Amino acid sequence: PSLSSIDRNRLPNNDRDRNALYADEESRSMSNISASVRHDWSKEEIAQIYDLPFHELMYQAGTVHRMYWNAAEVQQCTLLSIKTGGCTEDCSYCSQSTRHKTFVKPEPTMKVKAVLEAAARAKEAGSTRFCMGAAWRELGNKKNAFNHILTMVKEVN
């Protein structure tokens, strides 16, 4: 993609798409800090960053972030529980488990169409990411339910 082919006010959230925009750039500079998109860091360079005092690290990170991202932009995401409660796992921290007394009302896995409609509404409302959460871990004999979830993921993307 090129900057002329996308909305100049909102750059892609996908790191590969964003990095492709800067592939021909050598580097950028701001406030005496230079940065470039690269993937060839040496251990010594990583150690230099790691050893920076915390506030200097935060300053440099914030400056580099502003070189490539609009500092006033906030990413809006939507999280949808596609299966709520009724989980047979015993995760002590989770209110979704049937082993704990909570006020979570178990709901079956949502239908694919309903999830896709929710994803479309989220996108129309400005969300750039749509996350789906489900209260279960193992398939057991629920392979059909898992196939529905795979369909949801494929269709949302």
C-alpha atoms as a PDB file:
ATOM      1  CA  PRO A   1       0.000   0.000   0.000  1.00  0.00           C
ATOM      2  CA  SER A   2       1.037   3.581  -0.430  1.00  0.00           C
ATOM      3  CA  LEU A   3       0.165   6.678   1.576  1.00  0.00           C
ATOM      4  CA  SER A   4      -1.852   7.977  -1.363  1.00  0.00           C
ATOM      5  CA  SER A   5      -4.013   4.830  -1.436  1.00  0.00           C
ATOM      6  CA  ILE A   6      -5.083   4.962   2.222  1.00  0.00           C
ATOM      7  CA  ASP A   7      -6.753   7.462   4.478  1.00  0.00           C
ATOM      8  CA  ARG A   8      -3.913   9.835   5.432  1.00  0.00           C
ATOM      9  CA  ASN A   9      -5.515  10.525   8.801  1.00  0.00           C
ATOM     10  CA  ARG A  10      -5.536   6.888   9.876  1.00  0.00           C
ATOM     11  CA  LEU A  11      -2.662   4.582   9.037  1.00  0.00           C
ATOM     12  CA  PRO A  12      -3.042   0.777   8.944  1.00  0.00           C
ATOM     13  CA  ASN A  13      -3.068  -1.028  12.294  1.00  0.00           C
ATOM     14  CA  ASN A  14      -1.442  -4.118  10.796  1.00  0.00           C
ATOM     15  CA  ASP A  15       2.307  -3.827  11.410  1.00  0.00           C
ATOM     16  CA  ARG A  16       3.213  -5.413   8.062  1.00  0.00           C
ATOM     17  CA  ASP A  17       1.003  -2.991   6.151  1.00  0.00           C
ATOM     18  CA  ARG A  18       2.397  -0.049   8.115  1.00  0.00           C
ATOM     19  CA  ASN A  19       6.017  -1.182   7.706  1.00  0.00           C
ATOM     20  CA  ALA A  20       5.459  -1.523   3.959  1.00  0.00           C
ATOM     21  CA  LEU A  21       4.675   2.201   3.836  1.00  0.00           C
ATOM     22  CA  TYR A  22       8.173   2.962   5.148  1.00  0.00           C
ATOM     23  CA  ALA A  23      10.111   0.281   3.225  1.00  0.00           C
ATOM     24  CA  ASP A  24      11.860   2.869   1.044  1.00  0.00           C
ATOM     25  CA  GLU A  25      12.681   5.188   3.955  1.00  0.00           C
ATOM     26  CA  GLU A  26      16.190   5.165   5.367  1.00  0.00           C
ATOM     27  CA  SER A  27      15.152   6.657   8.740  1.00  0.00           C
ATOM     28  CA  ARG A  28      13.173   9.391  10.478  1.00  0.00           C
ATOM     29  CA  SER A  29      14.327  11.960  13.012  1.00  0.00           C
ATOM     30  CA  MET A  30      12.559  13.967  15.662  1.00  0.00           C
ATOM     31  CA  SER A  31      13.909  15.773  18.749  1.00  0.00           C
ATOM     32  CA  ASN A  32      17.460  14.523  18.080  1.00  0.00           C
ATOM     33  CA  ILE A  33      16.287  10.898  17.959  1.00  0.00           C
ATOM     34  CA  SER A  34      16.578   8.860  14.774  1.00  0.00           C
ATOM     35  CA  ALA A  35      14.631   5.707  14.088  1.00  0.00           C
ATOM     36  CA  SER A  36      13.974   3.281  11.278  1.00  0.00           C
ATOM     37  CA  VAL A  37      11.850   0.212  10.790  1.00  0.00           C
ATOM     38  CA  ARG A  38      14.302  -2.668  11.031  1.00  0.00           C
ATOM     39  CA  HIS A  39      14.538  -6.310  11.973  1.00  0.00           C
ATOM     40  CA  ASP A  40      18.301  -6.782  12.247  1.00  0.00           C
ATOM     41  CA  TRP A  41      19.068  -5.683  15.804  1.00  0.00           C
ATOM     42  CA  SER A  42      22.346  -6.853  17.323  1.00  0.00           C
ATOM     43  CA  LYS A  43      22.572  -8.067  20.910  1.00  0.00           C
ATOM     44  CA  GLU A  44      24.693  -5.014  21.737  1.00  0.00           C
ATOM     45  CA  GLU A  45      22.019  -2.631  20.399  1.00  0.00           C
ATOM     46  CA  ILE A  46      19.332  -4.439  22.363  1.00  0.00           C
ATOM     47  CA  ALA A  47      21.484  -4.274  25.508  1.00  0.00           C
ATOM     48  CA  GLN A  48      21.955  -0.498  25.034  1.00  0.00           C
ATOM     49  CA  ILE A  49      18.185  -0.018  24.922  1.00  0.00           C
ATOM     50  CA  TYR A  50      17.648  -2.371  27.860  1.00  0.00           C
ATOM     51  CA  ASP A  51      20.204  -0.481  29.974  1.00  0.00           C
ATOM     52  CA  LEU A  52      18.683   2.968  29.397  1.00  0.00           C
ATOM     53  CA  PRO A  53      17.304   4.747  32.471  1.00  0.00           C
ATOM     54  CA  PHE A  54      13.540   4.229  32.583  1.00  0.00           C
ATOM     55  CA  HIS A  55      12.521   7.837  31.881  1.00  0.00           C
ATOM     56  CA  GLU A  56      14.953   8.116  28.974  1.00  0.00           C
ATOM     57  CA  LEU A  57      13.578   4.864  27.558  1.00  0.00           C
ATOM     58  CA  MET A  58      10.023   6.171  27.856  1.00  0.00           C
ATOM     59  CA  TYR A  59      10.980   9.493  26.225  1.00  0.00           C
ATOM     60  CA  GLN A  60      12.720   7.797  23.297  1.00  0.00           C
ATOM     61  CA  ALA A  61       9.923   5.254  22.868  1.00  0.00           C
ATOM     62  CA  GLY A  62       7.288   7.996  22.893  1.00  0.00           C
ATOM     63  CA  THR A  63       9.243  10.039  20.366  1.00  0.00           C
ATOM     64  CA  VAL A  64       9.680   7.097  17.996  1.00  0.00           C
ATOM     65  CA  HIS A  65       5.995   6.239  18.417  1.00  0.00           C
ATOM     66  CA  ARG A  66       5.056   9.776  17.350  1.00  0.00           C
ATOM     67  CA  MET A  67       7.262   9.459  14.249  1.00  0.00           C
ATOM     68  CA  TYR A  68       5.085   6.640  12.952  1.00  0.00           C
ATOM     69  CA  TRP A  69       1.724   7.032  14.725  1.00  0.00           C
ATOM     70  CA  ASN A  70      -0.625   9.939  15.322  1.00  0.00           C
ATOM     71  CA  ALA A  71      -0.204  10.622  19.050  1.00  0.00           C
ATOM     72  CA  ALA A  72      -3.795  11.846  19.325  1.00  0.00           C
ATOM     73  CA  GLU A  73      -5.233   8.716  17.728  1.00  0.00           C
ATOM     74  CA  VAL A  74      -6.766   6.055  19.944  1.00  0.00           C
ATOM     75  CA  GLN A  75      -7.347   2.580  18.607  1.00  0.00           C
ATOM     76  CA  GLN A  76     -10.900   1.449  19.181  1.00  0.00           C
ATOM     77  CA  CYS A  77     -11.391  -2.283  19.670  1.00  0.00           C
ATOM     78  CA  THR A  78     -14.487  -4.360  20.325  1.00  0.00           C
ATOM     79  CA  LEU A  79     -14.601  -7.496  22.462  1.00  0.00           C
ATOM     80  CA  LEU A  80     -17.543  -9.866  22.087  1.00  0.00           C
ATOM     81  CA  SER A  81     -18.169 -12.880  24.289  1.00  0.00           C
ATOM     82  CA  ILE A  82     -19.296 -15.478  21.763  1.00  0.00           C
ATOM     83  CA  LYS A  83     -19.852 -18.083  24.504  1.00  0.00           C
ATOM     84  CA  THR A  84     -20.436 -16.950  28.050  1.00  0.00           C
ATOM     85  CA  GLY A  85     -20.240 -19.076  31.207  1.00  0.00           C
ATOM     86  CA  GLY A  86     -20.724 -22.786  31.584  1.00  0.00           C
ATOM     87  CA  CYS A  87     -17.041 -23.604  31.235  1.00  0.00           C
ATOM     88  CA  THR A  88     -16.028 -26.904  32.840  1.00  0.00           C
ATOM     89  CA  GLU A  89     -12.466 -25.769  33.538  1.00  0.00           C
ATOM     90  CA  ASP A  90     -11.458 -24.835  37.085  1.00  0.00           C
ATOM     91  CA  CYS A  91      -9.512 -21.630  36.582  1.00  0.00           C
ATOM     92  CA  SER A  92      -9.601 -20.035  40.021  1.00  0.00           C
ATOM     93  CA  TYR A  93      -9.556 -16.482  38.613  1.00  0.00           C
ATOM     94  CA  CYS A  94     -12.352 -16.912  36.073  1.00  0.00           C
ATOM     95  CA  SER A  95     -16.014 -16.133  36.608  1.00  0.00           C
ATOM     96  CA  GLN A  96     -16.946 -18.220  33.549  1.00  0.00           C
ATOM     97  CA  SER A  97     -16.342 -21.543  35.346  1.00  0.00           C
ATOM     98  CA  THR A  98     -19.295 -23.643  36.479  1.00  0.00           C
ATOM     99  CA  ARG A  99     -17.281 -24.452  39.626  1.00  0.00           C
ATOM    100  CA  HIS A 100     -17.688 -20.967  41.070  1.00  0.00           C
ATOM    101  CA  LYS A 101     -20.749 -19.170  42.406  1.00  0.00           C
ATOM    102  CA  THR A 102     -21.025 -16.109  40.180  1.00  0.00           C
ATOM    103  CA  PHE A 103     -23.751 -14.085  38.576  1.00  0.00           C
ATOM    104  CA  VAL A 104     -22.613 -15.002  35.043  1.00  0.00           C
ATOM    105  CA  LYS A 105     -25.568 -16.423  33.150  1.00  0.00           C
ATOM    106  CA  PRO A 106     -24.381 -19.226  30.851  1.00  0.00           C
ATOM    107  CA  GLU A 107     -25.096 -18.550  27.184  1.00  0.00           C
ATOM    108  CA  PRO A 108     -24.531 -21.004  24.317  1.00  0.00           C
ATOM    109  CA  THR A 109     -22.095 -20.221  21.524  1.00  0.00           C
ATOM    110  CA  MET A 110     -23.472 -17.428  19.358  1.00  0.00           C
ATOM    111  CA  LYS A 111     -24.591 -18.168  15.817  1.00  0.00           C
ATOM    112  CA  VAL A 112     -22.129 -17.270  13.054  1.00  0.00           C
ATOM    113  CA  LYS A 113     -24.540 -14.777  11.485  1.00  0.00           C
ATOM    114  CA  ALA A 114     -25.021 -12.907  14.776  1.00  0.00           C
ATOM    115  CA  VAL A 115     -21.254 -12.641  15.305  1.00  0.00           C
ATOM    116  CA  LEU A 116     -20.694 -11.363  11.765  1.00  0.00           C
ATOM    117  CA  GLU A 117     -23.434  -8.778  12.243  1.00  0.00           C
ATOM    118  CA  ALA A 118     -21.802  -7.653  15.509  1.00  0.00           C
ATOM    119  CA  ALA A 119     -18.428  -7.396  13.753  1.00  0.00           C
ATOM    120  CA  ALA A 120     -19.960  -5.280  10.979  1.00  0.00           C
ATOM    121  CA  ARG A 121     -21.559  -2.962  13.558  1.00  0.00           C
ATOM    122  CA  ALA A 122     -18.234  -2.646  15.380  1.00  0.00           C
ATOM    123  CA  LYS A 123     -16.428  -1.749  12.164  1.00  0.00           C
ATOM    124  CA  GLU A 124     -19.102   0.823  11.267  1.00  0.00           C
ATOM    125  CA  ALA A 125     -18.665   2.335  14.732  1.00  0.00           C
ATOM    126  CA  GLY A 126     -14.917   2.767  14.150  1.00  0.00           C
ATOM    127  CA  SER A 127     -13.380  -0.347  15.682  1.00  0.00           C
ATOM    128  CA  THR A 128     -10.225  -1.492  13.951  1.00  0.00           C
ATOM    129  CA  ARG A 129      -9.987  -4.765  15.878  1.00  0.00           C
ATOM    130  CA  PHE A 130     -12.720  -7.232  16.709  1.00  0.00           C
ATOM    131  CA  CYS A 131     -11.898  -9.780  19.406  1.00  0.00           C
ATOM    132  CA  MET A 132     -13.994 -12.825  20.235  1.00  0.00           C
ATOM    133  CA  GLY A 133     -13.866 -14.547  23.617  1.00  0.00           C
ATOM    134  CA  ALA A 134     -15.269 -17.968  24.452  1.00  0.00           C
ATOM    135  CA  ALA A 135     -15.625 -19.797  27.780  1.00  0.00           C
ATOM    136  CA  TRP A 136     -14.231 -23.236  26.966  1.00  0.00           C
ATOM    137  CA  ARG A 137     -10.915 -24.901  26.331  1.00  0.00           C
ATOM    138  CA  GLU A 138     -11.246 -28.422  24.975  1.00  0.00           C
ATOM    139  CA  LEU A 139     -13.206 -29.650  21.982  1.00  0.00           C
ATOM    140  CA  GLY A 140     -14.522 -32.866  23.455  1.00  0.00           C
ATOM    141  CA  ASN A 141     -17.291 -33.875  21.082  1.00  0.00           C
ATOM    142  CA  LYS A 142     -17.963 -30.259  20.059  1.00  0.00           C
ATOM    143  CA  LYS A 143     -16.102 -30.282  16.745  1.00  0.00           C
ATOM    144  CA  ASN A 144     -19.057 -28.672  14.985  1.00  0.00           C
ATOM    145  CA  ALA A 145     -18.989 -25.764  17.455  1.00  0.00           C
ATOM    146  CA  PHE A 146     -15.277 -25.338  16.810  1.00  0.00           C
ATOM    147  CA  ASN A 147     -15.877 -25.313  13.056  1.00  0.00           C
ATOM    148  CA  HIS A 148     -18.412 -22.520  13.601  1.00  0.00           C
ATOM    149  CA  ILE A 149     -15.766 -20.555  15.488  1.00  0.00           C
ATOM    150  CA  LEU A 150     -13.272 -21.111  12.658  1.00  0.00           C
ATOM    151  CA  THR A 151     -15.900 -19.798  10.239  1.00  0.00           C
ATOM    152  CA  MET A 152     -16.404 -16.737  12.468  1.00  0.00           C
ATOM    153  CA  VAL A 153     -12.685 -15.991  12.511  1.00  0.00           C
ATOM    154  CA  LYS A 154     -12.317 -16.456   8.746  1.00  0.00           C
ATOM    155  CA  GLU A 155     -15.368 -14.329   7.949  1.00  0.00           C
ATOM    156  CA  VAL A 156     -14.496 -11.523  10.375  1.00  0.00           C
ATOM    157  CA  ASN A 157     -11.017 -11.251   8.878  1.00  0.00           C
END
